[in-house]
Amino acid sequence: MAMKIVIATLNRDKFQQIQDILKDVPVELIPSYECDIPKSENPGPSFVEKALIKARHAAKCTGLPSIADDTGLTVDALGGAPGIHSSHYAGLHTSEAANREKVLKAIVNLEGNERAARYYCAIAFVVHAADPMPIICQAHWEGLLLKAPSAGTVGYGYDSIFYVPEHRCTVAELTQAQLNQYSPRARAFRKLATHLPSLNSASND
């Protein structure tokens, strides 16, 4: 019997991506937006701590194992900002475009490698809300910020301004298949996937 796992996200596109990444793992994934789970406060000061808080919250509300991730953009010239505040860098109720614009304005006079940035993702898996040994997986993606958004349509957030030198395009210009292979979220979830079959077997013993 496949282990049921709650994915702590309200983002349907993110849930679909996670399903695609874990499609070969014998687990049943349930999005938190189908479980009527109230949003957690997420007060953690780091990507890892925020992911863990979200995972424990979802596990507490459902009584099921839970996975949560926290992903964001860090810009060297901005001292690591927007970091954990990536999704609301320009304000709690502003748009993704406003977030991008705030970042670009802050580095408008910088050139070349001065515009270095990285996407970072941390994932936390807990068997139950008080799990004393959560599984934490992390990955990052090095890149440079463009001066204006590209025409790409894949992804969301800062993807249209995050240029990946190894692919010679922005994240938004990659295919969905490439995104599911190379993004830090995809790579972090693949690390987690190596742990899930054994956990599933243990739960059925």
Protein backbone atom coordinates (compact mmCIF):
# COMPACT_ATOMS: atom_id res chain seq x y z
CA MET A 1 0.00 0.00 0.00
CA ALA A 2 1.48 3.34 -1.04
CA MET A 3 2.33 5.79 1.71
CA LYS A 4 0.10 8.85 1.69
CA ILE A 5 2.09 12.07 1.92
CA VAL A 6 0.77 15.60 2.15
CA ILE A 7 2.59 18.18 0.03
CA ALA A 8 2.39 21.45 1.94
CA THR A 9 1.67 23.89 -0.86
CA LEU A 10 -1.21 26.04 -2.09
CA ASN A 11 0.44 26.36 -5.51
CA ARG A 12 -1.13 24.00 -8.03
CA ASP A 13 1.71 24.40 -10.54
CA LYS A 14 4.26 23.51 -7.88
CA PHE A 15 2.25 20.44 -6.85
CA GLN A 16 2.06 19.28 -10.48
CA GLN A 17 5.83 19.67 -10.82
CA ILE A 18 6.43 17.66 -7.64
CA GLN A 19 4.09 14.94 -8.92
CA ASP A 20 6.06 14.78 -12.16
CA ILE A 21 9.39 14.56 -10.33
CA LEU A 22 8.19 11.81 -7.96
CA LYS A 23 6.06 9.92 -10.50
CA ASP A 24 8.18 6.76 -10.23
CA VAL A 25 8.18 6.68 -6.42
CA PRO A 26 5.47 4.42 -4.87
CA VAL A 27 3.74 7.09 -2.80
CA GLU A 28 0.36 8.85 -2.97
CA LEU A 29 0.76 12.62 -2.92
CA ILE A 30 -2.00 14.84 -1.56
CA PRO A 31 -1.84 18.65 -1.91
CA SER A 32 -2.56 20.59 1.26
CA TYR A 33 -5.14 22.71 -0.59
CA GLU A 34 -7.35 19.59 -0.70
CA CYS A 35 -7.06 19.09 3.06
CA ASP A 36 -8.42 22.43 4.27
CA ILE A 37 -5.18 23.20 6.11
CA PRO A 38 -4.81 26.78 7.35
CA LYS A 39 -1.65 28.53 6.19
CA SER A 40 1.24 28.32 8.66
CA GLU A 41 2.88 31.48 9.93
CA ASN A 42 6.32 30.49 8.57
CA PRO A 43 8.39 32.57 11.01
CA GLY A 44 11.59 30.60 10.36
CA PRO A 45 14.71 32.68 9.61
CA SER A 46 16.12 30.31 6.96
CA PHE A 47 14.93 28.24 4.00
CA VAL A 48 15.44 25.01 5.97
CA GLU A 49 13.58 26.22 9.05
CA LYS A 50 10.68 27.60 7.01
CA ALA A 51 10.33 24.29 5.13
CA LEU A 52 10.40 22.34 8.40
CA ILE A 53 7.78 24.57 10.02
CA LYS A 54 5.46 24.10 7.03
CA ALA A 55 5.98 20.33 6.99
CA ARG A 56 5.29 19.95 10.72
CA HIS A 57 2.20 22.16 10.43
CA ALA A 58 0.74 20.05 7.59
CA ALA A 59 1.51 16.82 9.46
CA LYS A 60 -0.14 18.14 12.61
CA CYS A 61 -3.28 19.18 10.74
CA THR A 62 -3.67 15.92 8.77
CA GLY A 63 -2.03 13.22 10.87
CA LEU A 64 -0.10 12.18 7.75
CA PRO A 65 3.57 12.35 6.74
CA SER A 66 4.31 15.68 5.06
CA ILE A 67 6.77 17.30 2.68
CA ALA A 68 7.32 21.03 2.38
CA ASP A 69 9.82 23.12 0.49
CA ASP A 70 10.97 26.69 0.68
CA THR A 71 12.56 28.11 -2.43
CA GLY A 72 13.89 31.57 -3.14
CA LEU A 73 16.33 33.84 -4.89
CA THR A 74 19.49 35.14 -3.25
CA VAL A 75 21.48 37.99 -4.82
CA ASP A 76 25.11 38.45 -3.77
CA ALA A 77 25.07 42.23 -4.24
CA LEU A 78 22.01 42.47 -1.98
CA GLY A 79 23.57 40.53 0.86
CA GLY A 80 21.50 37.44 0.08
CA ALA A 81 18.17 39.25 -0.36
CA PRO A 82 15.41 38.68 -1.21
CA GLY A 83 16.11 35.23 0.27
CA ILE A 84 13.30 33.85 2.43
CA HIS A 85 11.22 36.91 1.53
CA SER A 86 11.36 36.15 -2.21
CA SER A 87 7.63 35.62 -2.66
CA HIS A 88 6.71 38.99 -1.12
CA TYR A 89 9.86 41.07 -1.53
CA ALA A 90 7.94 44.13 -2.71
CA GLY A 91 5.20 43.71 -0.08
CA LEU A 92 2.72 41.15 1.20
CA HIS A 93 0.06 41.84 -1.41
CA THR A 94 2.12 42.81 -4.44
CA SER A 95 2.70 40.94 -7.69
CA GLU A 96 5.55 38.80 -8.97
CA ALA A 97 6.30 41.59 -11.44
CA ALA A 98 6.68 44.05 -8.54
CA ASN A 99 9.10 41.67 -6.82
CA ARG A 100 11.22 41.41 -9.96
CA GLU A 101 11.17 45.16 -10.47
CA LYS A 102 12.35 45.84 -6.93
CA VAL A 103 15.32 43.48 -7.36
CA LEU A 104 16.24 44.92 -10.75
CA LYS A 105 16.10 48.51 -9.49
CA ALA A 106 18.38 47.63 -6.58
CA ILE A 107 21.12 46.37 -8.93
CA VAL A 108 20.46 48.63 -11.93
CA ASN A 109 24.03 50.00 -11.99
CA LEU A 110 25.76 46.62 -11.72
CA GLU A 111 27.30 44.72 -14.61
CA GLY A 112 28.40 41.17 -15.44
CA ASN A 113 29.33 38.99 -12.49
CA GLU A 114 28.23 41.74 -10.10
CA ARG A 115 24.72 40.51 -10.94
CA ALA A 116 25.45 36.99 -9.62
CA ALA A 117 22.50 35.25 -7.99
CA ARG A 118 21.28 31.80 -7.11
CA TYR A 119 18.08 29.93 -6.68
CA TYR A 120 18.01 27.89 -3.50
CA CYS A 121 15.63 25.16 -2.37
CA ALA A 122 15.29 23.34 0.95
CA ILE A 123 12.91 20.41 1.45
CA ALA A 124 11.77 18.93 4.75
CA PHE A 125 10.05 15.56 5.20
CA VAL A 126 8.46 14.52 8.50
CA VAL A 127 6.69 11.27 9.34
CA HIS A 128 4.63 13.08 11.98
CA ALA A 129 4.45 16.57 13.47
CA ALA A 130 6.91 15.81 16.29
CA ASP A 131 9.31 13.76 14.13
CA PRO A 132 12.71 14.13 15.88
CA MET A 133 14.65 13.09 12.75
CA PRO A 134 13.25 14.98 9.75
CA ILE A 135 14.86 14.42 6.37
CA ILE A 136 16.31 17.62 4.93
CA CYS A 137 17.42 17.91 1.29
CA GLN A 138 18.89 21.01 -0.35
CA ALA A 139 20.04 22.20 -3.78
CA HIS A 140 20.94 25.47 -5.49
CA TRP A 141 21.35 26.88 -9.00
CA GLU A 142 23.95 29.53 -9.92
CA GLY A 143 23.06 32.26 -12.39
CA LEU A 144 23.07 35.94 -13.34
CA LEU A 145 20.24 38.45 -13.32
CA LEU A 146 19.29 40.11 -16.59
CA LYS A 147 18.41 43.80 -16.79
CA ALA A 148 14.90 43.07 -18.09
CA PRO A 149 12.64 39.98 -18.25
CA SER A 150 13.03 37.55 -21.12
CA ALA A 151 10.17 36.40 -23.32
CA GLY A 152 10.08 32.93 -21.76
CA THR A 153 6.82 31.61 -20.32
CA VAL A 154 7.88 28.59 -18.22
CA GLY A 155 7.85 28.90 -14.44
CA TYR A 156 7.01 31.97 -12.38
CA GLY A 157 8.52 34.42 -9.90
CA TYR A 158 12.02 35.50 -10.91
CA ASP A 159 12.42 32.89 -13.66
CA SER A 160 12.24 35.40 -16.53
CA ILE A 161 15.24 37.39 -15.20
CA PHE A 162 17.35 34.48 -13.92
CA TYR A 163 19.88 33.63 -16.65
CA VAL A 164 21.56 30.23 -16.44
CA PRO A 165 24.93 30.35 -18.26
CA GLU A 166 25.14 26.58 -18.77
CA HIS A 167 21.89 26.66 -20.75
CA ARG A 168 22.42 30.11 -22.31
CA CYS A 169 18.90 31.23 -21.48
CA THR A 170 16.68 32.19 -18.58
CA VAL A 171 14.79 29.64 -16.50
CA ALA A 172 11.59 30.89 -18.14
CA GLU A 173 12.98 29.85 -21.56
CA LEU A 174 13.66 26.25 -20.55
CA THR A 175 11.21 23.48 -21.35
CA GLN A 176 9.15 22.00 -18.54
CA ALA A 177 11.14 18.77 -18.92
CA GLN A 178 14.41 20.69 -18.46
CA LEU A 179 12.98 22.49 -15.43
CA ASN A 180 12.00 19.14 -13.91
CA GLN A 181 15.55 17.93 -14.42
CA TYR A 182 17.79 20.87 -13.53
CA SER A 183 15.95 23.17 -11.11
CA PRO A 184 17.03 23.12 -7.45
CA ARG A 185 13.54 21.98 -6.46
CA ALA A 186 13.77 19.04 -8.85
CA ARG A 187 17.25 18.07 -7.69
CA ALA A 188 16.32 18.38 -4.01
CA PHE A 189 13.22 16.24 -4.52
CA ARG A 190 15.24 13.61 -6.36
CA LYS A 191 17.54 13.43 -3.33
CA LEU A 192 14.48 12.97 -1.13
CA ALA A 193 13.10 10.30 -3.49
CA THR A 194 16.00 8.00 -2.62
CA HIS A 195 14.71 7.86 0.99
CA LEU A 196 10.99 7.39 0.33
CA PRO A 197 10.83 3.72 -0.85
CA SER A 198 12.53 2.46 2.33
CA LEU A 199 10.25 4.61 4.48
CA ASN A 200 7.25 3.26 2.59
CA SER A 201 8.41 -0.34 3.18
CA ALA A 202 8.91 0.33 6.87
CA SER A 203 5.40 1.77 7.21
CA ASN A 204 3.94 -1.44 5.73
CA ASP A 205 5.87 -3.85 7.99
